[in-house]
Amino acid sequence: MSLQTFLHNLHFDIEKANQSNWEVDWEDAPLTYKLYKDLPIIPLSLDVPLSLTEEKNAVNPSLNKIGYFLWYVYGLTQIAQTAIPSGSNETVTMMSSNRRFVPSGGGLYPNELYLYLKSDKVSSGIYHYDVARHCLVLLREGNFDSYISSALGNRCDIPKCFGTIFISTMFWKNFFKYNNFSYRLQSLDAGVLIGQILEVSKRFGFKAGVYYQFLDQAINHLIGVHEREESIYAAIPISIEESSLFSSENSKSMSFNSTDLSKELPTVSHKYILKSKNIREFPMLIKMNKLSMMDSTQSFKKVDKSDEVLEGQQRISLPKVSMLSYDLAAICKKRFSPELDFTIRPVSQKTLATLLQETTATFSYLNDLDEPFKKNKNRPKLYMCLHNVEGITDGAYCYDDLTHSLIKIKLGDHRIQLQYGMNASTVNLCQIPICIHVVGNKEHIKSTHSYRGYRIQQMEAGMMVQRLLIAASALEMGGHPLLGYDVKLCDEIYELEETEKTSLIQIPIGYYRNRPWMLGNLHG
């Protein structure tokens, strides 16, 4: 199977992308978190703040503040117990799962967080955030400003950053369940995590910049992860000064490659617990990861920054609305993914306008694909099927964030059609007023970033999903991200074939009834 065919099948025909006769061995499932063995640990404070409002004037953070930041980004926040009927008798099996503030496909959390930290309270070095014990695990001690700067192509003033976050993907953590389809999920999950990092950073007064382009093997070598098991997907320097995050002055002064840079540091390898005893092979994931890697800083590129002009037969101007102000901690705790709990209620134009504006504000973020706060035509867009929205005829629309308007595509109530397109009846779409699809180019940014462009597009879609879920929660609604749907059917509804675009993920948004359950927080 060619790689292009593989990516096509991941999107349009999952069964063809997966290995045949795949069976999930639940008894040998891996942990949802990585546990390093026999390494120094630094406990983090469990006395986390119960509210998060945006800080305007921040200083270099204390270790306690770093711990609070990491907990709100990726810490364990809830233990959920689900009762599963056992056969025809009346007995049930209780299944427990650990939850965090960010959603993850199947609740498997394939990503891990690493942190290059410089603090006067602890040794400078590379740490792993151990979510199970809420602590930092020291993997490599030392000052690596020069090494990381080189791996990022000297585009960031690392010495002025108090830390750099590295997001990795551990392939087996969700491959054991989803097989090759996990390759798509892993990038989306990483994007959701990036979105959470950016939102939490604002509340702590931190400035964060996202690097999608770096010397993969050099960064993997620094952290001590093996690319056949795990690989870094994004690097995010964090600082008090925004100007530190992207500096083009030295970026072209010297080029670096992974092989030469890796020679500057000895190899480190650490033991960790995964729990699975039989880890099966995933050759397509390894192959895709290998071909997506960047070996030289000379291959780092920008993307086309020109804005895309959206055309349509009819536009509906949405009411002007202000950006929401809310306590992020409260919103994260309240965020809920309804399944059969959605209940139909009318939605005002103001609510819809706020939801769409909040979500697309995602892409006003610092990154290495374009100039700061500039938009480009390769970014994902929001398309949606609306029902029972005040003053708007039922139908399929596209949101133009530049003009804050809806472009009419096809009128009609599409809920039944969307329901038939679901792989499983996990959500009653007839109870949904807003069904959003994040839409992107079929060729992503392959022309400039080859196969790395695919995972970049998926990560940006994941960022948009997280922002959408946060905004929905702030508006007293819920959202449920779905990949088990008929992509071709949705593309037909939106008439995307001629535009070379496709639906990347489906997110029903609406009001919901409270589910009868018991909840307990994992902090005071």
Protein backbone atom coordinates (compact mmCIF):
# COMPACT_ATOMS: atom_id res chain seq x y z
CA MET A 1 0.00 0.00 0.00
CA SER A 2 1.40 3.41 -0.98
CA LEU A 3 1.56 6.10 1.69
CA GLN A 4 -0.85 8.28 -0.28
CA THR A 5 -3.34 5.40 -0.42
CA PHE A 6 -2.82 4.78 3.28
CA LEU A 7 -3.70 8.39 4.16
CA HIS A 8 -6.69 8.29 1.81
CA ASN A 9 -8.00 5.13 3.47
CA LEU A 10 -7.44 6.56 6.95
CA HIS A 11 -9.91 9.24 6.00
CA PHE A 12 -12.43 7.59 3.70
CA ASP A 13 -12.19 3.83 4.29
CA ILE A 14 -10.82 2.93 7.72
CA GLU A 15 -11.22 -0.83 7.23
CA LYS A 16 -8.82 -0.79 4.28
CA ALA A 17 -6.25 1.19 6.29
CA ASN A 18 -6.26 -1.22 9.24
CA GLN A 19 -4.58 -4.59 9.43
CA SER A 20 -6.94 -7.49 8.70
CA ASN A 21 -8.37 -9.70 11.45
CA TRP A 22 -7.42 -7.22 14.18
CA GLU A 23 -8.66 -8.10 17.65
CA VAL A 24 -8.21 -5.94 20.72
CA ASP A 25 -6.62 -7.67 23.70
CA TRP A 26 -8.14 -5.69 26.54
CA GLU A 27 -6.39 -7.83 29.16
CA ASP A 28 -3.02 -6.64 27.81
CA ALA A 29 -3.97 -2.98 27.38
CA PRO A 30 -1.22 -0.42 28.13
CA LEU A 31 -1.43 2.21 30.84
CA THR A 32 -2.77 5.58 29.75
CA TYR A 33 0.32 7.20 31.26
CA LYS A 34 4.05 6.51 31.16
CA LEU A 35 5.80 5.52 34.40
CA TYR A 36 9.58 5.85 34.49
CA LYS A 37 11.49 3.62 36.92
CA ASP A 38 14.40 4.36 39.27
CA LEU A 39 14.87 8.05 38.38
CA PRO A 40 14.96 11.17 40.59
CA ILE A 41 11.54 12.76 41.06
CA ILE A 42 10.43 16.20 42.17
CA PRO A 43 6.97 16.20 43.79
CA LEU A 44 4.65 18.99 42.67
CA SER A 45 2.19 20.79 44.90
CA LEU A 46 -1.31 19.30 45.00
CA ASP A 47 -2.77 22.52 46.38
CA VAL A 48 -3.83 23.71 42.92
CA PRO A 49 -5.85 26.94 42.57
CA LEU A 50 -9.58 26.40 42.13
CA SER A 51 -10.03 29.20 39.61
CA LEU A 52 -8.07 30.43 36.58
CA THR A 53 -8.48 34.02 35.44
CA GLU A 54 -6.06 35.64 33.05
CA GLU A 55 -2.94 37.16 34.59
CA LYS A 56 -1.66 40.31 32.92
CA ASN A 57 1.69 40.80 34.63
CA ALA A 58 3.61 37.57 35.13
CA VAL A 59 7.10 36.85 36.36
CA ASN A 60 9.24 33.76 35.99
CA PRO A 61 7.15 31.11 37.72
CA SER A 62 7.85 29.25 40.92
CA LEU A 63 7.98 25.45 40.95
CA ASN A 64 4.52 25.42 42.53
CA LYS A 65 3.15 27.47 39.66
CA ILE A 66 4.76 25.13 37.13
CA GLY A 67 2.98 22.27 38.86
CA TYR A 68 -0.38 24.05 38.76
CA PHE A 69 0.15 24.79 35.08
CA LEU A 70 0.94 21.17 34.21
CA TRP A 71 -2.02 19.86 36.20
CA TYR A 72 -4.49 22.07 34.37
CA VAL A 73 -2.92 21.13 31.05
CA TYR A 74 -2.72 17.35 31.41
CA GLY A 75 -3.15 16.22 35.01
CA LEU A 76 -5.52 13.53 36.24
CA THR A 77 -8.74 15.27 37.23
CA GLN A 78 -11.43 12.60 37.55
CA ILE A 79 -11.94 8.89 37.95
CA ALA A 80 -14.94 7.67 35.99
CA GLN A 81 -16.69 4.36 36.60
CA THR A 82 -18.95 2.85 33.98
CA ALA A 83 -21.28 -0.11 34.54
CA ILE A 84 -21.19 -2.58 31.64
CA PRO A 85 -23.84 -5.36 31.48
CA SER A 86 -22.32 -8.86 31.40
CA GLY A 87 -24.24 -11.00 28.92
CA SER A 88 -27.88 -11.92 29.47
CA ASN A 89 -27.72 -12.17 33.27
CA GLU A 90 -28.18 -9.26 35.63
CA THR A 91 -24.54 -8.88 36.65
CA VAL A 92 -22.49 -5.89 35.58
CA THR A 93 -18.81 -5.20 35.24
CA MET A 94 -17.42 -1.91 36.52
CA MET A 95 -14.87 -0.27 34.25
CA SER A 96 -12.74 2.55 35.69
CA SER A 97 -10.93 5.17 33.63
CA ASN A 98 -8.78 8.15 34.46
CA ARG A 99 -9.90 11.45 32.93
CA ARG A 100 -8.21 14.76 32.23
CA PHE A 101 -9.46 18.19 31.18
CA VAL A 102 -8.67 17.42 27.52
CA PRO A 103 -10.61 14.80 25.56
CA SER A 104 -8.84 11.85 23.94
CA GLY A 105 -10.00 9.18 21.50
CA GLY A 106 -11.26 6.30 23.63
CA GLY A 107 -9.81 8.00 26.74
CA LEU A 108 -6.38 6.48 25.90
CA TYR A 109 -4.19 9.63 25.93
CA PRO A 110 -1.37 8.55 23.57
CA ASN A 111 0.58 11.77 24.13
CA GLU A 112 3.19 12.45 26.81
CA LEU A 113 4.55 15.77 28.10
CA TYR A 114 8.25 16.52 28.50
CA LEU A 115 9.65 19.78 29.80
CA TYR A 116 12.99 21.49 29.49
CA LEU A 117 12.94 23.52 32.70
CA LYS A 118 15.26 26.18 34.06
CA SER A 119 14.53 27.17 37.64
CA ASP A 120 16.49 28.33 40.66
CA LYS A 121 14.61 25.74 42.76
CA VAL A 122 15.54 22.60 40.80
CA SER A 123 18.31 21.40 38.53
CA SER A 124 18.04 22.60 34.96
CA GLY A 125 17.32 19.74 32.62
CA ILE A 126 14.85 17.57 30.75
CA TYR A 127 11.89 16.32 32.79
CA HIS A 128 8.92 14.08 32.15
CA TYR A 129 5.57 15.12 33.61
CA ASP A 130 4.38 12.05 35.50
CA VAL A 131 0.60 12.52 35.57
CA ALA A 132 -0.05 9.48 37.77
CA ARG A 133 2.06 10.83 40.62
CA HIS A 134 1.88 14.55 39.68
CA CYS A 135 5.62 14.98 39.75
CA LEU A 136 8.56 15.76 37.50
CA VAL A 137 10.96 12.94 36.63
CA LEU A 138 14.50 14.03 35.79
CA LEU A 139 15.66 12.40 32.54
CA ARG A 140 18.75 14.44 31.68
CA GLU A 141 20.41 17.14 33.80
CA GLY A 142 22.09 20.19 32.32
CA ASN A 143 21.67 23.40 30.34
CA PHE A 144 20.54 22.66 26.79
CA ASP A 145 19.78 26.17 25.53
CA SER A 146 22.20 25.93 22.62
CA TYR A 147 21.17 22.40 21.65
CA ILE A 148 17.42 23.17 21.59
CA SER A 149 18.01 26.49 19.81
CA SER A 150 19.92 24.63 17.10
CA ALA A 151 17.22 21.93 16.81
CA LEU A 152 14.65 24.68 16.23
CA GLY A 153 16.83 26.35 13.62
CA ASN A 154 17.87 29.28 15.84
CA ARG A 155 14.40 30.77 15.43
CA CYS A 156 13.71 31.04 19.16
CA ASP A 157 15.64 32.85 21.92
CA ILE A 158 15.69 29.77 24.16
CA PRO A 159 17.97 31.36 26.83
CA LYS A 160 15.17 33.85 27.57
CA CYS A 161 12.53 31.10 27.87
CA PHE A 162 12.08 29.53 31.29
CA GLY A 163 10.87 26.31 29.73
CA THR A 164 10.11 24.37 26.56
CA ILE A 165 7.34 21.78 26.36
CA PHE A 166 7.71 18.77 24.08
CA ILE A 167 4.61 16.77 23.12
CA SER A 168 5.29 13.18 22.12
CA THR A 169 3.18 10.35 20.79
CA MET A 170 3.58 6.83 22.17
CA PHE A 171 2.37 4.71 19.26
CA TRP A 172 1.26 1.61 21.16
CA LYS A 173 -0.93 3.47 23.66
CA ASN A 174 -3.83 3.67 21.23
CA PHE A 175 -2.63 1.42 18.41
CA PHE A 176 -3.54 -1.57 20.60
CA LYS A 177 -7.21 -0.59 20.17
CA TYR A 178 -7.46 1.42 16.95
CA ASN A 179 -4.77 -0.26 14.84
CA ASN A 180 -3.50 1.96 11.99
CA PHE A 181 -6.37 4.38 12.48
CA SER A 182 -4.46 5.49 15.58
CA TYR A 183 -2.11 7.47 13.30
CA ARG A 184 -4.91 9.93 12.61
CA LEU A 185 -6.08 10.01 16.22
CA GLN A 186 -2.60 10.66 17.63
CA SER A 187 -2.18 13.95 15.75
CA LEU A 188 -5.68 15.12 16.63
CA ASP A 189 -5.02 14.33 20.31
CA ALA A 190 -1.73 16.23 20.14
CA GLY A 191 -3.57 19.23 18.67
CA VAL A 192 -6.18 19.16 21.44
CA LEU A 193 -3.33 19.17 23.95
CA ILE A 194 -1.64 22.10 22.19
CA GLY A 195 -4.92 24.00 22.34
CA GLN A 196 -5.14 23.40 26.08
CA ILE A 197 -1.53 24.51 26.61
CA LEU A 198 -2.23 27.80 24.82
CA GLU A 199 -5.41 28.46 26.80
CA VAL A 200 -3.86 27.62 30.19
CA SER A 201 -0.75 29.67 29.34
CA LYS A 202 -2.90 32.80 28.97
CA ARG A 203 -4.33 32.29 32.46
CA PHE A 204 -0.84 32.07 33.98
CA GLY A 205 0.48 35.06 32.05
CA PHE A 206 2.84 32.90 29.99
CA LYS A 207 3.62 33.42 26.31
CA ALA A 208 3.77 30.27 24.20
CA GLY A 209 4.85 29.61 20.62
CA VAL A 210 4.20 26.41 18.69
CA TYR A 211 6.98 24.84 16.61
CA TYR A 212 5.85 22.13 14.20
CA GLN A 213 9.24 22.06 12.48
CA PHE A 214 12.34 20.87 14.31
CA LEU A 215 15.07 18.26 14.03
CA ASP A 216 13.08 15.22 15.14
CA GLN A 217 15.88 12.76 15.77
CA ALA A 218 17.94 15.35 17.65
CA ILE A 219 15.03 16.18 19.98
CA ASN A 220 14.18 12.48 20.46
CA HIS A 221 17.86 11.90 21.30
CA LEU A 222 17.85 14.75 23.83
CA ILE A 223 14.84 13.34 25.65
CA GLY A 224 15.84 9.72 25.30
CA VAL A 225 12.86 8.31 23.38
CA HIS A 226 13.19 5.72 20.61
CA GLU A 227 11.47 6.65 17.36
CA ARG A 228 10.15 3.11 16.87
CA GLU A 229 8.17 3.50 20.11
CA GLU A 230 7.61 7.21 20.58
CA SER A 231 8.37 10.47 18.81
CA ILE A 232 8.05 14.21 19.45
CA TYR A 233 5.26 15.94 17.49
CA ALA A 234 5.54 19.55 18.69
CA ALA A 235 7.87 21.85 20.63
CA ILE A 236 6.40 24.78 22.58
CA PRO A 237 8.79 27.29 24.19
CA ILE A 238 7.19 29.27 27.01
CA SER A 239 8.38 32.63 28.24
CA ILE A 240 7.31 35.82 29.98
CA GLU A 241 8.29 37.88 26.92
CA GLU A 242 6.54 37.26 23.63
CA SER A 243 9.51 38.61 21.68
CA SER A 244 11.63 35.68 22.90
CA LEU A 245 9.53 33.07 21.12
CA PHE A 246 10.35 33.86 17.50
CA SER A 247 13.53 35.57 16.40
CA SER A 248 14.58 35.52 12.75
CA GLU A 249 17.89 37.32 13.29
CA ASN A 250 20.01 34.16 13.62
CA SER A 251 17.78 31.65 11.83
CA LYS A 252 19.74 31.74 8.58
CA SER A 253 23.20 32.25 10.00
CA MET A 254 23.95 28.53 10.24
CA SER A 255 22.23 25.28 9.29
CA PHE A 256 22.14 22.15 11.44
CA ASN A 257 21.30 18.51 10.91
CA SER A 258 20.12 15.83 13.31
CA THR A 259 23.12 13.54 12.94
CA ASP A 260 25.75 16.14 13.81
CA LEU A 261 23.70 17.75 16.56
CA SER A 262 22.96 14.41 18.27
CA LYS A 263 26.69 13.74 18.56
CA GLU A 264 26.95 16.59 21.05
CA LEU A 265 25.14 14.54 23.72
CA PRO A 266 25.58 10.98 24.95
CA THR A 267 22.70 8.56 24.46
CA VAL A 268 20.36 8.08 27.41
CA SER A 269 17.90 5.24 27.82
CA HIS A 270 15.55 4.83 30.77
CA LYS A 271 13.30 2.00 31.90
CA TYR A 272 9.60 2.64 32.10
CA ILE A 273 6.40 0.73 32.78
CA LEU A 274 3.83 0.32 30.01
CA LYS A 275 2.05 -2.78 31.41
CA SER A 276 1.43 -4.50 28.06
CA LYS A 277 3.39 -7.75 27.73
CA ASN A 278 2.77 -8.33 24.04
CA ILE A 279 3.41 -5.20 21.97
CA ARG A 280 2.53 -5.94 18.38
CA GLU A 281 4.22 -4.30 15.41
CA PHE A 282 2.95 -1.12 13.74
CA PRO A 283 5.14 -0.78 10.60
CA MET A 284 2.93 1.79 8.84
CA LEU A 285 3.07 4.17 11.80
CA ILE A 286 6.85 3.86 11.97
CA LYS A 287 7.14 4.40 8.21
CA MET A 288 4.89 7.47 8.26
CA ASN A 289 6.77 8.91 11.22
CA LYS A 290 10.13 8.32 9.56
CA LEU A 291 9.10 10.02 6.31
CA SER A 292 7.62 12.95 8.24
CA MET A 293 10.88 13.71 10.03
CA MET A 294 13.08 16.71 9.28
CA ASP A 295 16.82 16.07 9.20
CA SER A 296 18.08 19.57 8.37
CA THR A 297 17.06 23.06 9.42
CA GLN A 298 17.30 24.05 5.76
CA SER A 299 14.05 22.15 5.17
CA PHE A 300 12.08 24.45 7.51
CA LYS A 301 9.53 26.43 5.46
CA LYS A 302 6.68 28.89 5.82
CA VAL A 303 3.31 28.27 4.21
CA ASP A 304 1.32 30.46 1.84
CA LYS A 305 0.00 33.31 3.98
CA SER A 306 -2.52 34.71 1.52
CA ASP A 307 -6.08 34.78 2.85
CA GLU A 308 -8.60 32.54 1.15
CA VAL A 309 -11.56 34.29 -0.41
CA LEU A 310 -14.70 32.31 0.38
CA GLU A 311 -17.42 32.52 -2.23
CA GLY A 312 -21.08 31.74 -1.83
CA GLN A 313 -24.53 32.48 -3.20
CA GLN A 314 -25.81 34.15 -0.08
CA ARG A 315 -24.27 35.52 3.12
CA ILE A 316 -25.85 35.99 6.51
CA SER A 317 -24.11 38.58 8.64
CA LEU A 318 -23.91 37.45 12.24
CA PRO A 319 -24.39 39.86 15.15
CA LYS A 320 -21.28 41.49 16.55
CA VAL A 321 -20.33 39.89 19.85
CA SER A 322 -17.60 40.38 22.43
CA MET A 323 -15.06 37.72 23.33
CA LEU A 324 -16.16 35.62 26.30
CA SER A 325 -14.73 36.17 29.75
CA TYR A 326 -14.79 33.14 32.02
CA ASP A 327 -12.98 31.15 34.67
CA LEU A 328 -11.14 28.50 32.65
CA ALA A 329 -10.89 26.15 35.64
CA ALA A 330 -14.66 26.15 36.09
CA ILE A 331 -15.26 25.66 32.37
CA CYS A 332 -12.80 22.75 32.18
CA LYS A 333 -14.47 21.04 35.14
CA LYS A 334 -17.89 21.54 33.60
CA ARG A 335 -16.94 20.40 30.08
CA PHE A 336 -19.02 17.38 29.17
CA SER A 337 -19.25 15.16 26.08
CA PRO A 338 -22.93 14.22 25.79
CA GLU A 339 -23.82 11.07 23.91
CA LEU A 340 -27.52 10.29 24.17
CA ASP A 341 -27.91 13.17 26.65
CA PHE A 342 -28.40 15.93 24.06
CA THR A 343 -31.79 17.63 24.19
CA ILE A 344 -33.10 19.89 21.45
CA ARG A 345 -33.53 23.57 22.28
CA PRO A 346 -33.49 26.65 20.05
CA VAL A 347 -30.20 28.51 19.73
CA SER A 348 -29.97 32.28 19.42
CA GLN A 349 -27.94 33.95 16.67
CA LYS A 350 -25.86 35.64 19.34
CA THR A 351 -24.94 32.28 20.88
CA LEU A 352 -23.99 30.85 17.48
CA ALA A 353 -21.97 33.96 16.61
CA THR A 354 -20.10 33.80 19.90
CA LEU A 355 -19.37 30.08 19.49
CA LEU A 356 -17.92 30.54 16.00
CA GLN A 357 -15.92 33.66 16.84
CA GLU A 358 -14.40 32.07 19.95
CA THR A 359 -13.42 28.93 18.02
CA THR A 360 -11.73 30.62 15.08
CA ALA A 361 -9.78 32.87 17.43
CA THR A 362 -7.71 29.70 17.93
CA PHE A 363 -5.52 30.61 15.02
CA SER A 364 -4.39 33.95 16.36
CA TYR A 365 -1.46 32.15 17.90
CA LEU A 366 2.32 32.25 17.51
CA ASN A 367 3.66 29.45 15.34
CA ASP A 368 6.44 28.67 12.90
CA LEU A 369 4.22 28.16 9.85
CA ASP A 370 3.46 31.82 9.19
CA GLU A 371 4.12 35.27 10.51
CA PRO A 372 2.79 36.06 13.99
CA PHE A 373 -1.00 36.46 14.03
CA LYS A 374 -1.34 36.16 10.24
CA LYS A 375 -3.86 33.76 8.74
CA ASN A 376 -3.31 31.58 5.70
CA LYS A 377 -5.57 29.78 3.29
CA ASN A 378 -4.39 26.33 4.37
CA ARG A 379 -5.98 26.59 7.82
CA PRO A 380 -9.01 24.44 8.64
CA LYS A 381 -12.42 26.11 8.35
CA LEU A 382 -15.72 25.62 10.15
CA TYR A 383 -18.65 24.19 8.21
CA MET A 384 -21.93 23.32 9.89
CA CYS A 385 -25.44 21.97 9.56
CA LEU A 386 -27.89 24.12 11.50
CA HIS A 387 -31.38 23.40 12.83
CA ASN A 388 -33.62 25.58 14.96
CA VAL A 389 -31.21 28.53 15.09
CA GLU A 390 -33.00 31.84 15.53
CA GLY A 391 -33.46 33.71 12.25
CA ILE A 392 -31.45 31.22 10.17
CA THR A 393 -33.07 28.74 7.80
CA ASP A 394 -32.12 25.12 8.41
CA GLY A 395 -29.26 24.15 6.14
CA ALA A 396 -25.54 23.65 5.53
CA TYR A 397 -23.29 26.69 5.90
CA CYS A 398 -19.65 27.75 5.97
CA TYR A 399 -18.36 30.30 8.47
CA ASP A 400 -16.19 33.13 7.10
CA ASP A 401 -14.28 34.43 10.09
CA LEU A 402 -12.88 37.40 8.15
CA THR A 403 -16.35 38.87 7.61
CA HIS A 404 -18.06 37.13 10.58
CA SER A 405 -20.76 35.76 8.32
CA LEU A 406 -22.32 32.49 7.20
CA ILE A 407 -22.18 31.39 3.58
CA LYS A 408 -25.20 29.38 2.47
CA ILE A 409 -24.34 26.07 0.78
CA LYS A 410 -27.48 23.89 0.80
CA LEU A 411 -30.74 24.55 2.59
CA GLY A 412 -32.70 21.82 4.35
CA ASP A 413 -32.73 19.76 7.52
CA HIS A 414 -29.73 17.42 7.18
CA ARG A 415 -29.98 15.73 10.58
CA ILE A 416 -31.46 12.43 9.35
CA GLN A 417 -28.86 12.23 6.59
CA LEU A 418 -26.07 12.82 9.11
CA GLN A 419 -27.57 10.21 11.44
CA TYR A 420 -27.54 7.59 8.67
CA GLY A 421 -23.88 8.46 8.11
CA MET A 422 -22.90 7.53 11.68
CA ASN A 423 -20.98 4.26 12.09
CA ALA A 424 -22.74 3.68 15.43
CA SER A 425 -25.74 5.32 17.09
CA THR A 426 -23.75 6.79 19.97
CA VAL A 427 -25.27 10.27 19.49
CA ASN A 428 -28.84 11.20 18.54
CA LEU A 429 -28.20 13.87 15.91
CA CYS A 430 -31.93 14.66 15.74
CA GLN A 431 -31.42 16.36 19.13
CA ILE A 432 -28.59 18.54 17.77
CA PRO A 433 -29.07 22.18 16.67
CA ILE A 434 -25.46 22.64 15.52
CA CYS A 435 -23.38 19.91 13.89
CA ILE A 436 -19.95 21.32 13.09
CA HIS A 437 -17.38 19.86 10.71
CA VAL A 438 -13.79 21.05 10.71
CA VAL A 439 -12.84 21.14 7.02
CA GLY A 440 -9.36 21.20 5.49
CA ASN A 441 -7.57 20.74 2.18
CA LYS A 442 -7.32 17.15 0.94
CA GLU A 443 -3.65 17.67 0.18
CA HIS A 444 -3.14 19.49 3.53
CA ILE A 445 0.21 21.31 3.12
CA LYS A 446 1.97 18.44 1.40
CA SER A 447 3.40 20.71 -1.30
CA THR A 448 5.56 22.53 1.26
CA HIS A 449 5.85 20.04 4.14
CA SER A 450 5.48 16.61 2.51
CA TYR A 451 3.93 13.96 4.79
CA ARG A 452 4.61 16.10 7.85
CA GLY A 453 1.88 18.38 6.49
CA TYR A 454 -0.74 15.71 7.22
CA ARG A 455 -0.03 15.57 10.93
CA ILE A 456 0.27 19.38 11.11
CA GLN A 457 -3.20 19.70 9.61
CA GLN A 458 -4.60 17.14 12.06
CA MET A 459 -2.97 18.96 14.99
CA GLU A 460 -4.47 22.28 13.92
CA ALA A 461 -7.86 20.61 13.58
CA GLY A 462 -7.41 19.26 17.13
CA MET A 463 -6.59 22.75 18.39
CA MET A 464 -9.82 24.02 16.84
CA VAL A 465 -11.79 21.17 18.44
CA GLN A 466 -10.48 22.00 21.91
CA ARG A 467 -11.27 25.69 21.53
CA LEU A 468 -14.75 24.78 20.27
CA LEU A 469 -15.41 22.52 23.27
CA ILE A 470 -14.25 25.19 25.72
CA ALA A 471 -16.44 27.83 24.06
CA ALA A 472 -19.44 25.47 24.02
CA SER A 473 -18.98 24.75 27.73
CA ALA A 474 -18.80 28.49 28.49
CA LEU A 475 -22.12 28.86 26.64
CA GLU A 476 -23.77 26.09 28.73
CA MET A 477 -23.60 23.58 25.88
CA GLY A 478 -21.70 20.37 25.25
CA GLY A 479 -19.83 18.92 22.31
CA HIS A 480 -18.92 15.38 21.33
CA PRO A 481 -16.04 14.95 18.79
CA LEU A 482 -16.67 12.06 16.37
CA LEU A 483 -14.61 10.32 13.71
CA GLY A 484 -17.02 7.43 13.15
CA TYR A 485 -19.05 9.03 10.37
CA ASP A 486 -19.38 8.91 6.58
CA VAL A 487 -16.91 11.53 5.36
CA LYS A 488 -18.02 11.28 1.72
CA LEU A 489 -21.64 11.95 2.71
CA CYS A 490 -20.64 15.10 4.62
CA ASP A 491 -18.46 16.28 1.74
CA GLU A 492 -21.47 15.91 -0.55
CA ILE A 493 -23.66 17.98 1.77
CA TYR A 494 -21.09 20.79 1.73
CA GLU A 495 -20.30 20.37 -2.00
CA LEU A 496 -16.60 20.08 -1.21
CA GLU A 497 -15.53 17.86 -4.11
CA GLU A 498 -14.86 20.74 -6.50
CA THR A 499 -12.90 22.67 -3.87
CA GLU A 500 -10.50 19.79 -3.05
CA LYS A 501 -11.50 20.01 0.61
CA THR A 502 -12.81 17.39 3.02
CA SER A 503 -14.31 17.06 6.47
CA LEU A 504 -11.67 16.23 9.10
CA ILE A 505 -13.83 15.70 12.19
CA GLN A 506 -17.50 16.01 13.22
CA ILE A 507 -18.57 17.73 16.44
CA PRO A 508 -22.27 17.84 17.41
CA ILE A 509 -22.91 20.86 19.66
CA GLY A 510 -26.02 21.45 21.73
CA TYR A 511 -27.74 21.61 25.07
CA TYR A 512 -28.00 18.49 27.22
CA ARG A 513 -29.72 17.03 30.26
CA ASN A 514 -27.69 16.21 33.35
CA ARG A 515 -26.63 12.59 33.55
CA PRO A 516 -27.31 10.74 36.84
CA TRP A 517 -23.85 9.99 38.14
CA MET A 518 -21.46 10.57 41.01
CA LEU A 519 -18.47 12.86 40.52
CA GLY A 520 -15.49 13.45 42.76
CA ASN A 521 -12.62 15.85 42.18
CA LEU A 522 -9.04 14.65 42.61
CA HIS A 523 -7.97 17.82 44.41
CA GLY A 524 -9.15 19.87 47.35
